Amino acid sequence: MTMNKRILIVLIISGMSFLAAQEWMVDQDESFDPLNLHEPSLPFLDGSMIYEIITDIKEPGERLSRDTVRVIEKTGWKVQLFSTTDFYKADTVYFQACDDFIEEEVVKVFNSPNYKIRVGNCTTRESAEELLSRALDLKYRDAWIIRTSVKVEERLIFY
């Protein structure tokens, strides 16, 4: 290598190290204040509280009426009506199931890559089998019973 090339390489490397050693100052916009967002507070419906936001809440608060109902999750059965990887098919079946099962809870569950449409919150296998026969009568030919967590209303009576 010639002397000129060596000098050029040394100058390039020293220039790069000089630039890397400098601190680049970027002006920060500090006008954003999250305290001024004025977001709505958490919803309270019919005096019932949202329990699952903070898992430390075990008992209902003092604001609830003397006789009230709370929703708890426990192991039970649901009827899975449909499973697909296509979001739009799942959405169509979901809305159809909401029309077919007005009195039951219909949920759309996404377990990658499948969308699953499930109905009911059955605490006994027998009630799940009744729901399954109703689903089969409504032409949900892929319907089957699945054991999973369900939401159950628990009546609280305070004395």
Protein backbone atom coordinates (compact mmCIF):
# COMPACT_ATOMS: atom_id res chain seq x y z
CA MET A 1 0.00 0.00 0.00
CA THR A 2 1.28 3.41 -0.81
CA MET A 3 1.87 6.09 1.74
CA ASN A 4 -1.03 8.21 0.41
CA LYS A 5 -3.52 5.36 0.88
CA ARG A 6 -2.33 4.77 4.44
CA ILE A 7 -2.67 8.44 5.30
CA LEU A 8 -6.13 8.52 3.74
CA ILE A 9 -7.24 5.46 5.75
CA VAL A 10 -5.86 6.95 8.99
CA LEU A 11 -7.69 10.23 8.32
CA ILE A 12 -10.98 8.44 7.59
CA ILE A 13 -10.76 6.29 10.72
CA SER A 14 -9.79 9.22 12.95
CA GLY A 15 -12.61 11.33 11.46
CA MET A 16 -15.11 8.57 12.11
CA SER A 17 -13.94 8.11 15.68
CA PHE A 18 -14.12 11.88 16.21
CA LEU A 19 -17.73 11.93 14.95
CA ALA A 20 -18.65 8.91 17.08
CA ALA A 21 -17.25 10.59 20.19
CA GLN A 22 -19.47 13.65 19.76
CA GLU A 23 -22.81 13.66 21.51
CA TRP A 24 -25.65 14.41 19.19
CA MET A 25 -28.19 16.65 20.83
CA VAL A 26 -31.77 16.33 19.64
CA ASP A 27 -34.35 18.82 20.81
CA GLN A 28 -37.07 17.03 22.74
CA ASP A 29 -40.69 18.15 22.61
CA GLU A 30 -41.69 18.13 26.27
CA SER A 31 -45.10 19.72 25.80
CA PHE A 32 -46.92 16.36 26.18
CA ASP A 33 -48.40 15.90 29.64
CA PRO A 34 -50.26 12.60 30.28
CA LEU A 35 -52.09 14.16 33.22
CA ASN A 36 -53.97 16.44 30.82
CA LEU A 37 -55.49 13.66 28.71
CA HIS A 38 -58.87 13.77 30.51
CA GLU A 39 -59.70 10.15 29.78
CA PRO A 40 -63.05 8.86 31.05
CA SER A 41 -63.02 6.92 34.27
CA LEU A 42 -63.63 3.18 34.36
CA PRO A 43 -67.26 2.26 33.75
CA PHE A 44 -69.50 1.12 36.55
CA LEU A 45 -72.67 -0.58 35.41
CA ASP A 46 -75.66 -1.07 37.72
CA GLY A 47 -73.52 -0.69 40.83
CA SER A 48 -71.34 -3.68 39.97
CA MET A 49 -67.58 -3.28 39.86
CA ILE A 50 -65.07 -4.49 37.34
CA TYR A 51 -63.16 -7.14 39.30
CA GLU A 52 -60.64 -8.35 36.77
CA ILE A 53 -58.80 -5.08 36.29
CA ILE A 54 -57.02 -5.37 39.62
CA THR A 55 -56.64 -8.98 40.68
CA ASP A 56 -56.13 -8.10 44.35
CA ILE A 57 -59.82 -7.34 44.78
CA LYS A 58 -61.35 -10.41 46.40
CA GLU A 59 -64.57 -9.09 47.92
CA PRO A 60 -67.12 -6.60 46.59
CA GLY A 61 -66.80 -3.03 47.75
CA GLU A 62 -69.02 -1.24 50.24
CA ARG A 63 -70.92 0.56 47.47
CA LEU A 64 -72.71 -2.58 46.30
CA SER A 65 -76.25 -3.19 47.44
CA ARG A 66 -77.00 -5.65 50.21
CA ASP A 67 -78.11 -8.43 47.83
CA THR A 68 -76.07 -8.50 44.67
CA VAL A 69 -74.59 -10.79 42.05
CA ARG A 70 -70.99 -11.00 40.93
CA VAL A 71 -69.47 -12.92 38.05
CA ILE A 72 -66.73 -15.44 38.79
CA GLU A 73 -64.80 -17.76 36.50
CA LYS A 74 -64.65 -21.47 37.11
CA THR A 75 -64.19 -24.62 35.07
CA GLY A 76 -67.21 -25.64 33.04
CA TRP A 77 -68.26 -26.44 29.48
CA LYS A 78 -68.90 -24.48 26.30
CA VAL A 79 -69.98 -25.60 22.86
CA GLN A 80 -67.49 -24.76 20.14
CA LEU A 81 -69.51 -24.06 17.02
CA PHE A 82 -66.80 -23.31 14.48
CA SER A 83 -63.04 -22.98 14.03
CA THR A 84 -61.20 -21.37 11.13
CA THR A 85 -58.10 -19.41 10.23
CA ASP A 86 -60.15 -16.92 8.19
CA PHE A 87 -61.11 -13.87 10.26
CA TYR A 88 -64.02 -12.92 8.00
CA LYS A 89 -65.61 -16.38 8.11
CA ALA A 90 -65.26 -16.38 11.89
CA ASP A 91 -66.85 -12.95 12.09
CA THR A 92 -69.78 -14.06 9.93
CA VAL A 93 -70.37 -17.19 12.01
CA TYR A 94 -70.02 -15.15 15.22
CA PHE A 95 -72.80 -12.73 14.24
CA GLN A 96 -75.00 -15.59 13.04
CA ALA A 97 -74.46 -17.40 16.36
CA CYS A 98 -75.36 -14.22 18.26
CA ASP A 99 -78.68 -14.22 16.40
CA ASP A 100 -79.23 -17.96 16.94
CA PHE A 101 -78.29 -18.03 20.64
CA ILE A 102 -79.77 -14.79 21.96
CA GLU A 103 -79.99 -15.93 25.59
CA GLU A 104 -76.47 -17.46 25.66
CA GLU A 105 -73.08 -15.77 25.68
CA VAL A 106 -71.26 -16.13 22.34
CA VAL A 107 -67.51 -15.48 22.27
CA LYS A 108 -64.91 -15.31 19.54
CA VAL A 109 -61.57 -16.70 20.78
CA PHE A 110 -58.30 -16.30 18.88
CA ASN A 111 -55.67 -18.96 19.52
CA SER A 112 -53.11 -18.44 16.79
CA PRO A 113 -53.77 -19.23 13.98
CA ASN A 114 -57.40 -20.22 14.66
CA TYR A 115 -60.51 -18.19 15.40
CA LYS A 116 -62.98 -20.21 17.47
CA ILE A 117 -66.65 -19.42 18.02
CA ARG A 118 -67.93 -20.72 21.35
CA VAL A 119 -71.32 -20.46 23.00
CA GLY A 120 -72.65 -20.95 26.52
CA ASN A 121 -71.44 -20.95 30.09
CA CYS A 122 -72.54 -24.41 31.22
CA THR A 123 -71.74 -25.57 34.73
CA THR A 124 -72.83 -29.17 34.04
CA ARG A 125 -72.04 -31.52 31.19
CA GLU A 126 -75.76 -32.23 30.73
CA SER A 127 -76.61 -28.60 30.02
CA ALA A 128 -73.70 -28.47 27.57
CA GLU A 129 -75.08 -31.56 25.79
CA GLU A 130 -78.49 -29.86 25.50
CA LEU A 131 -76.80 -26.82 24.01
CA LEU A 132 -74.85 -29.07 21.63
CA SER A 133 -78.02 -30.76 20.36
CA ARG A 134 -79.56 -27.33 19.81
CA ALA A 135 -76.45 -26.23 17.87
CA LEU A 136 -76.61 -29.37 15.72
CA ASP A 137 -80.31 -28.69 15.05
CA LEU A 138 -79.33 -25.20 13.88
CA LYS A 139 -76.92 -26.80 11.34
CA TYR A 140 -73.64 -26.10 13.13
CA ARG A 141 -72.25 -29.45 11.98
CA ASP A 142 -68.74 -28.93 13.45
CA ALA A 143 -70.06 -28.22 16.96
CA TRP A 144 -68.59 -30.09 19.92
CA ILE A 145 -68.31 -29.70 23.69
CA ILE A 146 -65.14 -28.26 25.19
CA ARG A 147 -64.16 -28.06 28.86
CA THR A 148 -62.89 -24.57 29.61
CA SER A 149 -63.31 -21.70 32.03
CA VAL A 150 -66.81 -20.23 32.11
CA LYS A 151 -68.37 -17.16 33.70
CA VAL A 152 -70.91 -17.95 36.39
CA GLU A 153 -73.06 -15.54 38.36
CA GLU A 154 -72.68 -15.94 42.11
CA ARG A 155 -75.32 -14.40 44.32
CA LEU A 156 -73.96 -12.59 47.34
CA ILE A 157 -76.25 -12.16 50.32
CA PHE A 158 -75.05 -9.87 53.10
CA TYR A 159 -76.57 -10.16 56.57
